[in-house]
């Protein structure tokens, strides 16, 4: 994954598969340890552990080095779109990912 680019659908699906299969406890880390790690842990907490998306998003916080106002904050576009759809429809993340996630459209809106 890249810091300032939304991941492809297949990349997120692969990440979720790895998060499911990795032995626990696990260590997740990226070059800087904030943005990609924060997204991975947010998805782990929400999709795998079943936490609310609101609670899981605490993993993307400035206290962990994530700066939402920087270009790396693009991951919030993805999570905001999902949270809005989930609030309206109750759609689970993986169904949303397959059916509605479109990083190209989200980049155009940013």
Protein backbone atom coordinates (compact mmCIF):
# COMPACT_ATOMS: atom_id res chain seq x y z
CA UNK A 1 0.00 0.00 0.00
CA UNK A 2 1.05 3.57 -0.56
CA UNK A 3 0.62 6.44 1.89
CA UNK A 4 -1.09 9.01 -0.33
CA UNK A 5 -3.01 6.74 -2.70
CA UNK A 6 -6.16 4.77 -1.95
CA UNK A 7 -5.49 1.03 -2.13
CA UNK A 8 -7.08 -1.04 -4.86
CA UNK A 9 -9.97 -3.35 -4.00
CA UNK A 10 -7.72 -6.38 -4.48
CA UNK A 11 -5.09 -4.91 -2.14
CA UNK A 12 -7.65 -4.39 0.63
CA UNK A 13 -9.06 -7.91 0.08
CA UNK A 14 -5.53 -9.34 0.30
CA UNK A 15 -4.83 -7.31 3.45
CA UNK A 16 -7.98 -8.63 5.12
CA UNK A 17 -7.08 -12.20 4.16
CA UNK A 18 -3.60 -11.78 5.67
CA UNK A 19 -5.05 -10.23 8.82
CA UNK A 20 -7.35 -13.23 9.22
CA UNK A 21 -4.61 -15.82 8.66
CA UNK A 22 -1.69 -14.30 10.56
CA UNK A 23 -0.84 -15.92 13.86
CA UNK A 24 -1.90 -13.79 16.80
CA UNK A 25 -0.67 -11.75 18.49
CA UNK A 26 0.71 -9.94 15.47
CA UNK A 27 2.74 -6.83 14.80
CA UNK A 28 1.62 -4.54 11.99
CA UNK A 29 4.05 -1.85 10.91
CA UNK A 30 4.82 0.25 7.84
CA UNK A 31 7.72 2.54 6.99
CA UNK A 32 6.51 5.35 9.23
CA UNK A 33 4.11 3.33 11.37
CA UNK A 34 1.10 5.64 11.16
CA UNK A 35 -0.98 5.77 8.01
CA UNK A 36 -0.93 2.33 6.41
CA UNK A 37 -0.59 0.71 9.80
CA UNK A 38 -3.51 2.77 11.08
CA UNK A 39 -5.68 1.72 8.14
CA UNK A 40 -4.73 -1.94 8.55
CA UNK A 41 -5.50 -1.89 12.26
CA UNK A 42 -8.74 0.02 11.69
CA UNK A 43 -9.87 -2.67 9.25
CA UNK A 44 -8.70 -5.44 11.58
CA UNK A 45 -10.63 -3.99 14.48
CA UNK A 46 -13.79 -3.42 12.44
CA UNK A 47 -13.90 -6.37 10.04
CA UNK A 48 -12.15 -9.12 12.00
CA UNK A 49 -12.89 -8.18 15.62
CA UNK A 50 -16.32 -6.70 14.94
CA UNK A 51 -15.79 -3.30 16.57
CA UNK A 52 -17.85 -0.38 15.31
CA UNK A 53 -16.21 1.59 12.52
CA UNK A 54 -16.28 4.65 14.76
CA UNK A 55 -14.34 2.90 17.52
CA UNK A 56 -11.97 1.18 15.08
CA UNK A 57 -11.06 4.50 13.47
CA UNK A 58 -9.35 5.53 16.71
CA UNK A 59 -6.36 3.66 15.25
CA UNK A 60 -6.00 6.55 12.79
CA UNK A 61 -5.17 9.24 15.30
CA UNK A 62 -2.54 11.94 15.58
CA UNK A 63 -1.22 10.36 18.78
CA UNK A 64 -0.04 7.44 16.61
CA UNK A 65 1.57 9.82 14.12
CA UNK A 66 -1.34 9.90 11.65
CA UNK A 67 -2.14 13.39 10.40
CA UNK A 68 -5.60 13.37 8.84
CA UNK A 69 -5.13 16.81 7.28
CA UNK A 70 -2.07 15.68 5.30
CA UNK A 71 -2.15 13.88 1.96
CA UNK A 72 -2.04 10.62 3.92
CA UNK A 73 -5.50 11.54 5.21
CA UNK A 74 -6.92 10.21 1.94
CA UNK A 75 -7.78 6.98 3.76
CA UNK A 76 -10.48 8.96 5.55
CA UNK A 77 -12.24 9.45 2.18
CA UNK A 78 -12.58 5.67 1.93
CA UNK A 79 -13.67 5.21 5.54
CA UNK A 80 -16.07 8.17 5.41
CA UNK A 81 -17.75 6.79 2.28
CA UNK A 82 -18.08 3.37 3.88
CA UNK A 83 -19.38 4.78 7.18
CA UNK A 84 -22.00 6.84 5.34
CA UNK A 85 -23.19 3.82 3.33
CA UNK A 86 -23.19 1.64 6.44
CA UNK A 87 -25.26 4.18 8.37
CA UNK A 88 -27.87 4.20 5.60
CA UNK A 89 -27.92 0.53 4.65
CA UNK A 90 -26.09 -1.49 7.30
CA UNK A 91 -23.80 -2.90 4.58
CA UNK A 92 -20.83 -4.87 5.94
CA UNK A 93 -17.39 -3.63 4.93
CA UNK A 94 -16.46 -6.52 2.65
CA UNK A 95 -19.76 -6.28 0.73
CA UNK A 96 -19.21 -2.52 0.45
CA UNK A 97 -15.69 -3.15 -0.80
CA UNK A 98 -16.93 -5.52 -3.54
CA UNK A 99 -20.02 -3.55 -4.53
CA UNK A 100 -19.33 0.14 -3.94
CA UNK A 101 -15.67 0.91 -3.36
CA UNK A 102 -14.22 2.89 -6.26
CA UNK A 103 -10.86 4.50 -5.47
CA UNK A 104 -10.75 6.33 -8.84
CA UNK A 105 -14.03 8.14 -8.12
CA UNK A 106 -12.91 8.98 -4.59
CA UNK A 107 -9.64 10.45 -5.92
CA UNK A 108 -11.60 12.69 -8.31
CA UNK A 109 -13.67 14.04 -5.40
CA UNK A 110 -10.61 14.78 -3.24
